[in-house]
Amino acid sequence: MSIEIIKEKTSLEELQKKVGGYIEQFLLDDGRMLVFDEDGQLKGKMINNDASVMAGTPIAGPAVILEPKAFLD
């Protein structure tokens, strides 16, 4: 499962569409933000291996990475 990288500001609603639910945010060591569906596992979504490795914990479903300038206000 791929991870989209977002470089420009986007809306909360757009992020929710991309991940398929309410968002959970995880700050990565490099200063970027990993965003994913907070209920992905409960919804039975497939494990996203790439996102899981980045977060160090199982992440299920689509995920996106926000560059620092794309963070929500």
Protein backbone atom coordinates (compact mmCIF):
# COMPACT_ATOMS: atom_id res chain seq x y z
CA MET A 1 0.00 0.00 0.00
CA SER A 2 1.56 3.30 -1.04
CA ILE A 3 1.75 6.47 1.00
CA GLU A 4 0.89 9.77 -0.65
CA ILE A 5 3.10 12.75 0.20
CA ILE A 6 1.29 16.08 0.54
CA LYS A 7 3.42 19.20 0.21
CA GLU A 8 0.76 21.96 0.32
CA LYS A 9 -1.84 22.82 2.96
CA THR A 10 -4.99 20.76 2.68
CA SER A 11 -8.27 20.66 4.59
CA LEU A 12 -9.25 18.27 7.34
CA GLU A 13 -12.08 17.02 5.15
CA GLU A 14 -9.68 16.23 2.30
CA LEU A 15 -7.39 14.28 4.66
CA GLN A 16 -10.37 12.33 6.00
CA LYS A 17 -11.32 11.39 2.42
CA LYS A 18 -7.78 10.24 1.65
CA VAL A 19 -7.52 7.96 4.70
CA GLY A 20 -11.19 6.90 4.82
CA GLY A 21 -12.13 8.14 8.28
CA TYR A 22 -11.23 10.32 11.23
CA ILE A 23 -7.56 11.15 11.21
CA GLU A 24 -4.84 10.18 13.63
CA GLN A 25 -1.51 12.01 13.39
CA PHE A 26 1.95 10.66 14.18
CA LEU A 27 4.96 12.98 14.13
CA LEU A 28 7.87 11.29 12.36
CA ASP A 29 11.49 11.76 13.43
CA ASP A 30 12.21 13.75 10.26
CA GLY A 31 9.59 16.42 11.15
CA ARG A 32 6.91 15.20 8.76
CA MET A 33 3.47 14.05 9.92
CA LEU A 34 2.05 10.60 9.16
CA VAL A 35 -1.76 10.76 8.93
CA PHE A 36 -4.02 7.69 8.92
CA ASP A 37 -7.52 6.48 9.89
CA GLU A 38 -7.67 6.25 13.67
CA ASP A 39 -10.16 3.36 13.42
CA GLY A 40 -8.52 1.55 10.49
CA GLN A 41 -7.88 -1.65 12.43
CA LEU A 42 -11.38 -1.70 13.93
CA LYS A 43 -12.82 -1.29 10.42
CA GLY A 44 -10.84 -4.34 9.27
CA LYS A 45 -8.62 -2.43 6.85
CA MET A 46 -5.47 -4.13 5.62
CA ILE A 47 -2.23 -3.39 7.46
CA ASN A 48 -0.18 -0.72 5.72
CA ASN A 49 3.32 -2.14 6.09
CA ASP A 50 5.13 1.03 4.99
CA ALA A 51 3.19 3.24 7.42
CA SER A 52 3.55 0.66 10.20
CA VAL A 53 7.34 0.60 9.84
CA MET A 54 7.48 4.41 9.94
CA ALA A 55 5.31 4.62 13.06
CA GLY A 56 6.72 1.56 14.81
CA THR A 57 3.18 0.30 15.41
CA PRO A 58 0.54 -1.37 13.22
CA ILE A 59 -1.28 1.09 10.95
CA ALA A 60 -4.25 -0.15 8.92
CA GLY A 61 -5.53 1.41 5.73
CA PRO A 62 -4.37 4.30 3.56
CA ALA A 63 -1.93 6.81 5.00
CA VAL A 64 -0.50 10.13 3.87
CA ILE A 65 2.59 12.08 4.86
CA LEU A 66 2.32 15.82 5.37
CA GLU A 67 5.41 17.92 4.75
CA PRO A 68 5.82 20.55 7.55
CA LYS A 69 4.39 23.39 5.43
CA ALA A 70 1.25 21.28 4.83
CA PHE A 71 0.38 20.86 8.53
CA LEU A 72 -3.15 21.82 9.56
CA ASP A 73 -3.46 25.03 11.56
